[in-house]
């Protein structure tokens, strides 16, 4: 019997687990749960005899992959997959997947919520500013980016986008004005919302030289990955430019931003996908992808 493991330090909502179970057991598979575990050793022990695995932000390290002797497929319920050791998966002939688009609206609503929170001075009662008429640059115009653009247009923002993997016509059809370089995007827009993955090319790419191109009263919004920010360079820029603001749902490692009172805010933890709807959508999508892969060899969302 095929055994599917849900390994979640931060568990799915009960309704999501129920839906995953129904999909898996309808196919004759066994579902096992590892929730709220406290050590990597627990995860390594749990994967020893599973054929498939669903995780969220859990770390699927080389040690985890190598301990899973029967593992055929691992699915990250969400868009980002930098928590999976892809090289280890490839070496063991394990297919790694994500579930793109399932939490896109949740992240988009958070991004715009953060913009409103910053624009209205953290709701401190003092006069703020409006988003209407402001230029928003969306850095990477995939599932999340397009949803950010959709919500931003509802606020009356002018939406621009840069995405080297899309044509101008595709960007226009998705409701944004295409720009042709990251430098042009940042120089054009007062607000920039980041939606790039953390890769060898993008890590620390959002640096002082790029950010200093932004217009007066610039606001950088990061609901993507912490690693794409050159935090030292950003902090230096904020020292030099008292008009520059940074808002994120990924708290920096150090307290170097704490001194920028009124110009910096980070949520207590990463929460872009933390809605009941996104939780359920991503979990069910992961279960369906596992079934489709095992039964039909469908590798549509393979990332390694």
C-alpha atoms as a PDB file:
ATOM      1  CA  UNK A   1       0.000   0.000   0.000  1.00  0.00           C
ATOM      2  CA  UNK A   2       1.204   3.503  -0.879  1.00  0.00           C
ATOM      3  CA  UNK A   3       1.887   5.519   2.275  1.00  0.00           C
ATOM      4  CA  UNK A   4       1.565   9.308   2.251  1.00  0.00           C
ATOM      5  CA  UNK A   5       3.027  11.401   5.071  1.00  0.00           C
ATOM      6  CA  UNK A   6       1.878  14.880   6.039  1.00  0.00           C
ATOM      7  CA  UNK A   7       4.824  16.373   7.938  1.00  0.00           C
ATOM      8  CA  UNK A   8       3.944  19.801   9.272  1.00  0.00           C
ATOM      9  CA  UNK A   9       5.586  21.639  12.119  1.00  0.00           C
ATOM     10  CA  UNK A  10       2.773  24.185  11.616  1.00  0.00           C
ATOM     11  CA  UNK A  11      -0.211  21.906  10.955  1.00  0.00           C
ATOM     12  CA  UNK A  12      -2.796  22.293   8.246  1.00  0.00           C
ATOM     13  CA  UNK A  13      -6.261  23.323   9.362  1.00  0.00           C
ATOM     14  CA  UNK A  14      -8.372  20.281  10.339  1.00  0.00           C
ATOM     15  CA  UNK A  15     -10.617  20.797   7.314  1.00  0.00           C
ATOM     16  CA  UNK A  16      -7.542  20.632   5.059  1.00  0.00           C
ATOM     17  CA  UNK A  17      -6.337  17.394   6.676  1.00  0.00           C
ATOM     18  CA  UNK A  18      -9.831  15.965   6.256  1.00  0.00           C
ATOM     19  CA  UNK A  19      -9.823  16.831   2.558  1.00  0.00           C
ATOM     20  CA  UNK A  20      -6.334  15.433   2.020  1.00  0.00           C
ATOM     21  CA  UNK A  21      -7.333  12.223   3.772  1.00  0.00           C
ATOM     22  CA  UNK A  22     -10.404  11.839   1.563  1.00  0.00           C
ATOM     23  CA  UNK A  23      -8.337  12.257  -1.617  1.00  0.00           C
ATOM     24  CA  UNK A  24      -5.592   9.887  -0.479  1.00  0.00           C
ATOM     25  CA  UNK A  25      -7.789   7.169   1.006  1.00  0.00           C
ATOM     26  CA  UNK A  26     -10.180   7.225  -1.965  1.00  0.00           C
ATOM     27  CA  UNK A  27      -7.203   6.014  -3.992  1.00  0.00           C
ATOM     28  CA  UNK A  28      -6.521   3.214  -1.527  1.00  0.00           C
ATOM     29  CA  UNK A  29      -3.464   4.891  -0.012  1.00  0.00           C
ATOM     30  CA  UNK A  30      -2.631   5.186   3.684  1.00  0.00           C
ATOM     31  CA  UNK A  31      -2.278   8.636   5.250  1.00  0.00           C
ATOM     32  CA  UNK A  32      -0.046   9.265   8.275  1.00  0.00           C
ATOM     33  CA  UNK A  33       0.447  12.512  10.186  1.00  0.00           C
ATOM     34  CA  UNK A  34       3.450  14.096  11.849  1.00  0.00           C
ATOM     35  CA  UNK A  35       2.329  17.412  13.318  1.00  0.00           C
ATOM     36  CA  UNK A  36       3.982  19.930  15.638  1.00  0.00           C
ATOM     37  CA  UNK A  37       7.181  17.901  15.792  1.00  0.00           C
ATOM     38  CA  UNK A  38      10.049  19.433  17.716  1.00  0.00           C
ATOM     39  CA  UNK A  39      13.181  17.953  16.161  1.00  0.00           C
ATOM     40  CA  UNK A  40      14.591  16.964  12.798  1.00  0.00           C
ATOM     41  CA  UNK A  41      15.163  13.491  14.241  1.00  0.00           C
ATOM     42  CA  UNK A  42      11.381  12.991  14.510  1.00  0.00           C
ATOM     43  CA  UNK A  43      10.975  13.916  10.868  1.00  0.00           C
ATOM     44  CA  UNK A  44      13.800  11.611   9.784  1.00  0.00           C
ATOM     45  CA  UNK A  45      12.230   8.718  11.676  1.00  0.00           C
ATOM     46  CA  UNK A  46       8.791   9.392  10.191  1.00  0.00           C
ATOM     47  CA  UNK A  47       9.931   9.281   6.552  1.00  0.00           C
ATOM     48  CA  UNK A  48      11.589   5.859   6.700  1.00  0.00           C
ATOM     49  CA  UNK A  49       8.795   3.938   4.945  1.00  0.00           C
ATOM     50  CA  UNK A  50       6.709   6.549   3.105  1.00  0.00           C
ATOM     51  CA  UNK A  51       6.185   6.746  -0.653  1.00  0.00           C
ATOM     52  CA  UNK A  52       5.023  10.339  -0.762  1.00  0.00           C
ATOM     53  CA  UNK A  53       5.259  13.353   1.462  1.00  0.00           C
ATOM     54  CA  UNK A  54       3.489  16.700   1.890  1.00  0.00           C
ATOM     55  CA  UNK A  55       5.241  19.536   3.734  1.00  0.00           C
ATOM     56  CA  UNK A  56       4.714  23.241   4.276  1.00  0.00           C
ATOM     57  CA  UNK A  57       7.695  25.318   5.443  1.00  0.00           C
ATOM     58  CA  UNK A  58       9.345  22.210   6.883  1.00  0.00           C
ATOM     59  CA  UNK A  59      12.988  21.539   5.990  1.00  0.00           C
ATOM     60  CA  UNK A  60      13.369  18.577   3.651  1.00  0.00           C
ATOM     61  CA  UNK A  61      17.143  18.367   4.009  1.00  0.00           C
ATOM     62  CA  UNK A  62      19.537  15.929   2.384  1.00  0.00           C
ATOM     63  CA  UNK A  63      19.406  13.833   5.579  1.00  0.00           C
ATOM     64  CA  UNK A  64      15.602  13.671   5.407  1.00  0.00           C
ATOM     65  CA  UNK A  65      15.583  12.707   1.724  1.00  0.00           C
ATOM     66  CA  UNK A  66      18.260  10.052   2.197  1.00  0.00           C
ATOM     67  CA  UNK A  67      16.373   8.555   5.155  1.00  0.00           C
ATOM     68  CA  UNK A  68      13.225   8.191   3.043  1.00  0.00           C
ATOM     69  CA  UNK A  69      14.264   4.988   1.273  1.00  0.00           C
ATOM     70  CA  UNK A  70      10.922   4.483  -0.521  1.00  0.00           C
ATOM     71  CA  UNK A  71      10.154   8.127  -1.279  1.00  0.00           C
ATOM     72  CA  UNK A  72       8.967   8.824  -4.821  1.00  0.00           C
ATOM     73  CA  UNK A  73       7.493  12.327  -4.578  1.00  0.00           C
ATOM     74  CA  UNK A  74       7.548  15.258  -2.165  1.00  0.00           C
ATOM     75  CA  UNK A  75       5.185  18.196  -2.509  1.00  0.00           C
ATOM     76  CA  UNK A  76       5.648  21.582  -0.877  1.00  0.00           C
ATOM     77  CA  UNK A  77       2.135  22.910  -0.217  1.00  0.00           C
ATOM     78  CA  UNK A  78       2.869  26.452  -1.351  1.00  0.00           C
ATOM     79  CA  UNK A  79       4.791  28.331  -4.007  1.00  0.00           C
ATOM     80  CA  UNK A  80       8.301  28.564  -2.558  1.00  0.00           C
ATOM     81  CA  UNK A  81      10.383  25.392  -2.446  1.00  0.00           C
ATOM     82  CA  UNK A  82      13.783  26.528  -1.190  1.00  0.00           C
ATOM     83  CA  UNK A  83      13.157  24.433   1.936  1.00  0.00           C
ATOM     84  CA  UNK A  84      13.618  21.268  -0.168  1.00  0.00           C
ATOM     85  CA  UNK A  85      17.105  20.000  -1.028  1.00  0.00           C
ATOM     86  CA  UNK A  86      16.473  19.608  -4.750  1.00  0.00           C
ATOM     87  CA  UNK A  87      19.903  18.129  -5.468  1.00  0.00           C
ATOM     88  CA  UNK A  88      19.285  15.393  -2.913  1.00  0.00           C
ATOM     89  CA  UNK A  89      15.893  14.687  -4.477  1.00  0.00           C
ATOM     90  CA  UNK A  90      17.406  14.413  -7.942  1.00  0.00           C
ATOM     91  CA  UNK A  91      20.191  12.162  -6.701  1.00  0.00           C
ATOM     92  CA  UNK A  92      17.607   9.795  -5.195  1.00  0.00           C
ATOM     93  CA  UNK A  93      15.237  10.046  -8.214  1.00  0.00           C
ATOM     94  CA  UNK A  94      12.607  11.750  -6.055  1.00  0.00           C
ATOM     95  CA  UNK A  95      10.247  14.161  -7.810  1.00  0.00           C
ATOM     96  CA  UNK A  96       9.882  17.466  -5.934  1.00  0.00           C
ATOM     97  CA  UNK A  97       6.855  19.655  -6.611  1.00  0.00           C
ATOM     98  CA  UNK A  98       5.225  22.828  -5.379  1.00  0.00           C
ATOM     99  CA  UNK A  99       1.596  23.986  -5.640  1.00  0.00           C
ATOM    100  CA  UNK A 100       1.825  27.289  -7.518  1.00  0.00           C
ATOM    101  CA  UNK A 101      -1.084  29.701  -7.313  1.00  0.00           C
ATOM    102  CA  UNK A 102      -2.885  28.114  -4.395  1.00  0.00           C
ATOM    103  CA  UNK A 103      -1.928  30.851  -1.914  1.00  0.00           C
ATOM    104  CA  UNK A 104      -1.585  33.673  -4.440  1.00  0.00           C
ATOM    105  CA  UNK A 105      -4.625  35.645  -3.328  1.00  0.00           C
ATOM    106  CA  UNK A 106      -3.704  35.327   0.354  1.00  0.00           C
ATOM    107  CA  UNK A 107      -0.216  36.738  -0.269  1.00  0.00           C
ATOM    108  CA  UNK A 108      -1.607  39.505  -2.483  1.00  0.00           C
ATOM    109  CA  UNK A 109      -4.094  40.639   0.133  1.00  0.00           C
ATOM    110  CA  UNK A 110      -1.343  40.684   2.754  1.00  0.00           C
ATOM    111  CA  UNK A 111       0.954  42.737   0.505  1.00  0.00           C
ATOM    112  CA  UNK A 112      -1.708  45.385  -0.048  1.00  0.00           C
ATOM    113  CA  UNK A 113      -2.664  45.269   3.620  1.00  0.00           C
ATOM    114  CA  UNK A 114       0.935  46.011   4.549  1.00  0.00           C
ATOM    115  CA  UNK A 115       0.982  48.914   2.093  1.00  0.00           C
ATOM    116  CA  UNK A 116      -2.148  50.406   3.656  1.00  0.00           C
ATOM    117  CA  UNK A 117      -0.706  49.882   7.149  1.00  0.00           C
ATOM    118  CA  UNK A 118       2.465  51.756   6.228  1.00  0.00           C
ATOM    119  CA  UNK A 119       0.659  54.482   4.258  1.00  0.00           C
ATOM    120  CA  UNK A 120      -1.619  55.190   7.242  1.00  0.00           C
ATOM    121  CA  UNK A 121       1.255  55.379   9.738  1.00  0.00           C
ATOM    122  CA  UNK A 122       0.465  52.068  11.447  1.00  0.00           C
ATOM    123  CA  UNK A 123      -2.989  53.482  12.329  1.00  0.00           C
ATOM    124  CA  UNK A 124      -1.495  55.806  14.927  1.00  0.00           C
ATOM    125  CA  UNK A 125      -4.115  58.506  14.390  1.00  0.00           C
ATOM    126  CA  UNK A 126      -1.861  60.854  12.434  1.00  0.00           C
ATOM    127  CA  UNK A 127      -2.472  61.947   8.863  1.00  0.00           C
ATOM    128  CA  UNK A 128      -1.204  59.435   6.296  1.00  0.00           C
ATOM    129  CA  UNK A 129      -1.397  59.009   2.537  1.00  0.00           C
ATOM    130  CA  UNK A 130      -3.506  57.111   0.019  1.00  0.00           C
ATOM    131  CA  UNK A 131      -2.556  54.364  -2.418  1.00  0.00           C
ATOM    132  CA  UNK A 132      -4.800  55.695  -5.175  1.00  0.00           C
ATOM    133  CA  UNK A 133      -2.784  57.153  -8.025  1.00  0.00           C
ATOM    134  CA  UNK A 134       0.526  55.781  -6.753  1.00  0.00           C
ATOM    135  CA  UNK A 135       2.765  53.745  -9.055  1.00  0.00           C
ATOM    136  CA  UNK A 136       3.236  50.134  -7.955  1.00  0.00           C
ATOM    137  CA  UNK A 137       5.985  48.009  -9.456  1.00  0.00           C
ATOM    138  CA  UNK A 138       5.506  44.250  -9.236  1.00  0.00           C
ATOM    139  CA  UNK A 139       8.845  42.441  -9.385  1.00  0.00           C
ATOM    140  CA  UNK A 140       7.955  39.053 -10.937  1.00  0.00           C
ATOM    141  CA  UNK A 141       4.476  38.815 -12.417  1.00  0.00           C
ATOM    142  CA  UNK A 142       3.515  35.193 -11.843  1.00  0.00           C
ATOM    143  CA  UNK A 143       0.530  33.908  -9.899  1.00  0.00           C
ATOM    144  CA  UNK A 144       1.147  36.020  -6.813  1.00  0.00           C
ATOM    145  CA  UNK A 145       2.308  39.084  -8.706  1.00  0.00           C
ATOM    146  CA  UNK A 146      -0.761  39.106 -10.934  1.00  0.00           C
ATOM    147  CA  UNK A 147      -3.021  38.873  -7.909  1.00  0.00           C
ATOM    148  CA  UNK A 148      -1.151  41.783  -6.331  1.00  0.00           C
ATOM    149  CA  UNK A 149      -1.777  43.742  -9.519  1.00  0.00           C
ATOM    150  CA  UNK A 150      -5.489  42.854  -9.465  1.00  0.00           C
ATOM    151  CA  UNK A 151      -5.965  43.992  -5.865  1.00  0.00           C
ATOM    152  CA  UNK A 152      -3.838  47.112  -6.401  1.00  0.00           C
ATOM    153  CA  UNK A 153      -5.943  48.182  -9.363  1.00  0.00           C
ATOM    154  CA  UNK A 154      -8.938  48.044  -7.040  1.00  0.00           C
ATOM    155  CA  UNK A 155      -7.179  50.704  -4.936  1.00  0.00           C
ATOM    156  CA  UNK A 156      -6.673  52.816  -8.052  1.00  0.00           C
ATOM    157  CA  UNK A 157      -2.910  52.265  -8.245  1.00  0.00           C
ATOM    158  CA  UNK A 158      -0.990  52.357 -11.510  1.00  0.00           C
ATOM    159  CA  UNK A 159       0.472  48.870 -11.903  1.00  0.00           C
ATOM    160  CA  UNK A 160       3.793  48.193 -13.641  1.00  0.00           C
ATOM    161  CA  UNK A 161       5.557  44.844 -13.869  1.00  0.00           C
ATOM    162  CA  UNK A 162       8.905  43.352 -14.761  1.00  0.00           C
ATOM    163  CA  UNK A 163       9.179  39.652 -15.482  1.00  0.00           C
ATOM    164  CA  UNK A 164      11.843  38.341 -17.894  1.00  0.00           C
ATOM    165  CA  UNK A 165       9.836  35.159 -18.449  1.00  0.00           C
ATOM    166  CA  UNK A 166       6.771  36.954 -19.809  1.00  0.00           C
ATOM    167  CA  UNK A 167       6.192  38.871 -23.024  1.00  0.00           C
ATOM    168  CA  UNK A 168       4.904  42.437 -23.056  1.00  0.00           C
ATOM    169  CA  UNK A 169       1.563  41.208 -24.391  1.00  0.00           C
ATOM    170  CA  UNK A 170       1.227  38.667 -21.586  1.00  0.00           C
ATOM    171  CA  UNK A 171       1.900  41.330 -18.973  1.00  0.00           C
ATOM    172  CA  UNK A 172      -0.568  43.724 -20.579  1.00  0.00           C
ATOM    173  CA  UNK A 173      -3.252  41.049 -20.784  1.00  0.00           C
ATOM    174  CA  UNK A 174      -2.697  40.440 -17.053  1.00  0.00           C
ATOM    175  CA  UNK A 175      -3.418  44.093 -16.338  1.00  0.00           C
ATOM    176  CA  UNK A 176      -0.020  45.762 -15.943  1.00  0.00           C
ATOM    177  CA  UNK A 177       2.264  48.019 -17.932  1.00  0.00           C
ATOM    178  CA  UNK A 178       5.424  46.087 -18.868  1.00  0.00           C
ATOM    179  CA  UNK A 179       8.851  47.452 -18.019  1.00  0.00           C
ATOM    180  CA  UNK A 180      12.041  45.954 -19.382  1.00  0.00           C
ATOM    181  CA  UNK A 181      14.602  45.910 -16.586  1.00  0.00           C
ATOM    182  CA  UNK A 182      14.696  45.825 -12.816  1.00  0.00           C
ATOM    183  CA  UNK A 183      16.420  49.219 -12.909  1.00  0.00           C
ATOM    184  CA  UNK A 184      13.542  50.717 -14.863  1.00  0.00           C
ATOM    185  CA  UNK A 185      10.974  49.175 -12.512  1.00  0.00           C
ATOM    186  CA  UNK A 186      12.591  50.583  -9.384  1.00  0.00           C
ATOM    187  CA  UNK A 187      13.258  53.998 -10.929  1.00  0.00           C
ATOM    188  CA  UNK A 188       9.630  54.300 -12.042  1.00  0.00           C
ATOM    189  CA  UNK A 189       7.650  53.154  -9.015  1.00  0.00           C
ATOM    190  CA  UNK A 190       7.156  54.621  -5.553  1.00  0.00           C
ATOM    191  CA  UNK A 191       5.961  51.220  -4.317  1.00  0.00           C
ATOM    192  CA  UNK A 192       7.678  47.950  -5.272  1.00  0.00           C
ATOM    193  CA  UNK A 193       6.277  44.556  -4.261  1.00  0.00           C
ATOM    194  CA  UNK A 194       8.726  41.651  -4.385  1.00  0.00           C
ATOM    195  CA  UNK A 195       7.665  38.220  -5.641  1.00  0.00           C
ATOM    196  CA  UNK A 196      10.922  36.664  -6.825  1.00  0.00           C
ATOM    197  CA  UNK A 197      12.152  33.279  -5.559  1.00  0.00           C
ATOM    198  CA  UNK A 198      15.384  32.863  -3.622  1.00  0.00           C
ATOM    199  CA  UNK A 199      17.840  31.469  -6.177  1.00  0.00           C
ATOM    200  CA  UNK A 200      21.561  31.783  -6.761  1.00  0.00           C
ATOM    201  CA  UNK A 201      20.822  34.708  -9.094  1.00  0.00           C
ATOM    202  CA  UNK A 202      18.345  36.546  -6.886  1.00  0.00           C
ATOM    203  CA  UNK A 203      19.844  36.196  -3.400  1.00  0.00           C
ATOM    204  CA  UNK A 204      20.906  39.648  -2.122  1.00  0.00           C
ATOM    205  CA  UNK A 205      20.010  41.105  -5.531  1.00  0.00           C
ATOM    206  CA  UNK A 206      17.737  43.731  -3.974  1.00  0.00           C
ATOM    207  CA  UNK A 207      20.605  45.919  -2.918  1.00  0.00           C
ATOM    208  CA  UNK A 208      21.449  49.518  -2.144  1.00  0.00           C
ATOM    209  CA  UNK A 209      22.400  50.412  -5.724  1.00  0.00           C
ATOM    210  CA  UNK A 210      19.059  49.171  -7.027  1.00  0.00           C
ATOM    211  CA  UNK A 211      16.905  50.606  -4.238  1.00  0.00           C
ATOM    212  CA  UNK A 212      18.432  54.058  -4.356  1.00  0.00           C
ATOM    213  CA  UNK A 213      16.883  54.441  -7.813  1.00  0.00           C
ATOM    214  CA  UNK A 214      13.392  54.552  -6.300  1.00  0.00           C
ATOM    215  CA  UNK A 215      11.531  57.895  -6.263  1.00  0.00           C
ATOM    216  CA  UNK A 216      10.942  60.001  -3.125  1.00  0.00           C
ATOM    217  CA  UNK A 217       8.823  58.420  -0.376  1.00  0.00           C
ATOM    218  CA  UNK A 218       9.699  54.946  -1.665  1.00  0.00           C
ATOM    219  CA  UNK A 219       8.175  51.849  -0.080  1.00  0.00           C
ATOM    220  CA  UNK A 220       9.630  48.364  -0.537  1.00  0.00           C
ATOM    221  CA  UNK A 221       7.233  45.496   0.255  1.00  0.00           C
ATOM    222  CA  UNK A 222       8.676  42.005   0.697  1.00  0.00           C
ATOM    223  CA  UNK A 223       6.344  39.025   1.007  1.00  0.00           C
ATOM    224  CA  UNK A 224       8.711  36.827  -1.011  1.00  0.00           C
ATOM    225  CA  UNK A 225      11.925  35.644   0.641  1.00  0.00           C
ATOM    226  CA  UNK A 226      14.284  37.267   3.137  1.00  0.00           C
ATOM    227  CA  UNK A 227      17.341  35.997   1.250  1.00  0.00           C
ATOM    228  CA  UNK A 228      16.690  38.200  -1.787  1.00  0.00           C
ATOM    229  CA  UNK A 229      17.336  41.329   0.283  1.00  0.00           C
ATOM    230  CA  UNK A 230      20.833  42.677   0.902  1.00  0.00           C
ATOM    231  CA  UNK A 231      19.839  43.723   4.418  1.00  0.00           C
ATOM    232  CA  UNK A 232      23.099  45.526   5.137  1.00  0.00           C
ATOM    233  CA  UNK A 233      22.756  47.595   1.985  1.00  0.00           C
ATOM    234  CA  UNK A 234      19.079  48.309   2.639  1.00  0.00           C
ATOM    235  CA  UNK A 235      19.813  49.470   6.189  1.00  0.00           C
ATOM    236  CA  UNK A 236      22.582  51.728   4.871  1.00  0.00           C
ATOM    237  CA  UNK A 237      20.192  53.241   2.346  1.00  0.00           C
ATOM    238  CA  UNK A 238      17.571  53.871   5.035  1.00  0.00           C
ATOM    239  CA  UNK A 239      20.235  55.677   7.076  1.00  0.00           C
ATOM    240  CA  UNK A 240      20.887  57.949   4.098  1.00  0.00           C
ATOM    241  CA  UNK A 241      17.309  58.385   2.881  1.00  0.00           C
ATOM    242  CA  UNK A 242      14.885  59.345   5.612  1.00  0.00           C
ATOM    243  CA  UNK A 243      11.991  58.991   3.153  1.00  0.00           C
ATOM    244  CA  UNK A 244      12.619  55.289   2.424  1.00  0.00           C
ATOM    245  CA  UNK A 245      10.333  52.687   4.021  1.00  0.00           C
ATOM    246  CA  UNK A 246      10.517  48.899   4.246  1.00  0.00           C
ATOM    247  CA  UNK A 247       7.660  46.589   5.179  1.00  0.00           C
ATOM    248  CA  UNK A 248       7.776  42.799   5.195  1.00  0.00           C
ATOM    249  CA  UNK A 249       6.317  39.597   6.570  1.00  0.00           C
ATOM    250  CA  UNK A 250       9.796  38.140   7.028  1.00  0.00           C
ATOM    251  CA  UNK A 251      11.571  39.505  10.083  1.00  0.00           C
ATOM    252  CA  UNK A 252      15.285  40.241   9.513  1.00  0.00           C
ATOM    253  CA  UNK A 253      17.867  38.197  11.412  1.00  0.00           C
ATOM    254  CA  UNK A 254      19.252  41.201  13.275  1.00  0.00           C
ATOM    255  CA  UNK A 255      17.767  44.265  14.935  1.00  0.00           C
ATOM    256  CA  UNK A 256      19.443  46.647  12.494  1.00  0.00           C
ATOM    257  CA  UNK A 257      16.047  47.924  11.309  1.00  0.00           C
ATOM    258  CA  UNK A 258      14.514  48.538  14.737  1.00  0.00           C
ATOM    259  CA  UNK A 259      15.891  52.081  14.839  1.00  0.00           C
ATOM    260  CA  UNK A 260      13.868  53.098  11.783  1.00  0.00           C
ATOM    261  CA  UNK A 261      10.749  53.809  13.787  1.00  0.00           C
ATOM    262  CA  UNK A 262       7.817  54.707  11.583  1.00  0.00           C
ATOM    263  CA  UNK A 263       9.625  53.512   8.455  1.00  0.00           C
ATOM    264  CA  UNK A 264       9.954  49.796   9.079  1.00  0.00           C
ATOM    265  CA  UNK A 265       7.546  47.036  10.035  1.00  0.00           C
ATOM    266  CA  UNK A 266       7.848  43.243  10.048  1.00  0.00           C
ATOM    267  CA  UNK A 267       5.118  40.804  11.001  1.00  0.00           C
ATOM    268  CA  UNK A 268       6.025  38.477  13.891  1.00  0.00           C
ATOM    269  CA  UNK A 269       6.375  35.554  11.477  1.00  0.00           C
ATOM    270  CA  UNK A 270       5.995  34.800   7.777  1.00  0.00           C
ATOM    271  CA  UNK A 271       2.264  34.780   7.165  1.00  0.00           C
ATOM    272  CA  UNK A 272       1.636  35.337   3.470  1.00  0.00           C
ATOM    273  CA  UNK A 273      -0.200  32.028   3.088  1.00  0.00           C
ATOM    274  CA  UNK A 274      -1.738  32.029   6.557  1.00  0.00           C
ATOM    275  CA  UNK A 275      -5.417  32.049   5.642  1.00  0.00           C
ATOM    276  CA  UNK A 276      -7.878  29.213   6.025  1.00  0.00           C
ATOM    277  CA  UNK A 277      -8.603  29.304   2.305  1.00  0.00           C
ATOM    278  CA  UNK A 278      -4.966  29.132   1.196  1.00  0.00           C
ATOM    279  CA  UNK A 279      -4.268  26.454   3.785  1.00  0.00           C
ATOM    280  CA  UNK A 280      -6.995  24.236   2.372  1.00  0.00           C
ATOM    281  CA  UNK A 281      -6.291  25.005  -1.294  1.00  0.00           C
ATOM    282  CA  UNK A 282      -2.575  24.172  -1.077  1.00  0.00           C
ATOM    283  CA  UNK A 283      -3.128  20.986   0.931  1.00  0.00           C
ATOM    284  CA  UNK A 284      -5.747  19.592  -1.423  1.00  0.00           C
ATOM    285  CA  UNK A 285      -3.661  20.515  -4.456  1.00  0.00           C
ATOM    286  CA  UNK A 286      -0.670  18.674  -2.968  1.00  0.00           C
ATOM    287  CA  UNK A 287      -2.749  15.543  -2.394  1.00  0.00           C
ATOM    288  CA  UNK A 288      -4.136  15.596  -5.949  1.00  0.00           C
ATOM    289  CA  UNK A 289      -0.660  16.081  -7.408  1.00  0.00           C
ATOM    290  CA  UNK A 290       0.632  13.058  -5.504  1.00  0.00           C
ATOM    291  CA  UNK A 291      -2.209  10.884  -6.773  1.00  0.00           C
ATOM    292  CA  UNK A 292      -1.775  12.123 -10.336  1.00  0.00           C
ATOM    293  CA  UNK A 293       1.959  11.477 -10.220  1.00  0.00           C
ATOM    294  CA  UNK A 294       1.715   7.964  -8.765  1.00  0.00           C
ATOM    295  CA  UNK A 295      -1.213   6.896 -10.927  1.00  0.00           C
ATOM    296  CA  UNK A 296      -0.450   8.727 -14.180  1.00  0.00           C
ATOM    297  CA  UNK A 297       3.174   9.850 -13.979  1.00  0.00           C
ATOM    298  CA  UNK A 298       2.043  13.492 -14.086  1.00  0.00           C
ATOM    299  CA  UNK A 299       5.084  15.704 -13.342  1.00  0.00           C
ATOM    300  CA  UNK A 300       3.483  19.027 -14.300  1.00  0.00           C
ATOM    301  CA  UNK A 301       4.645  20.899 -11.195  1.00  0.00           C
ATOM    302  CA  UNK A 302       8.064  19.300 -10.869  1.00  0.00           C
ATOM    303  CA  UNK A 303      10.747  21.764  -9.685  1.00  0.00           C
ATOM    304  CA  UNK A 304      13.911  19.609  -9.729  1.00  0.00           C
END
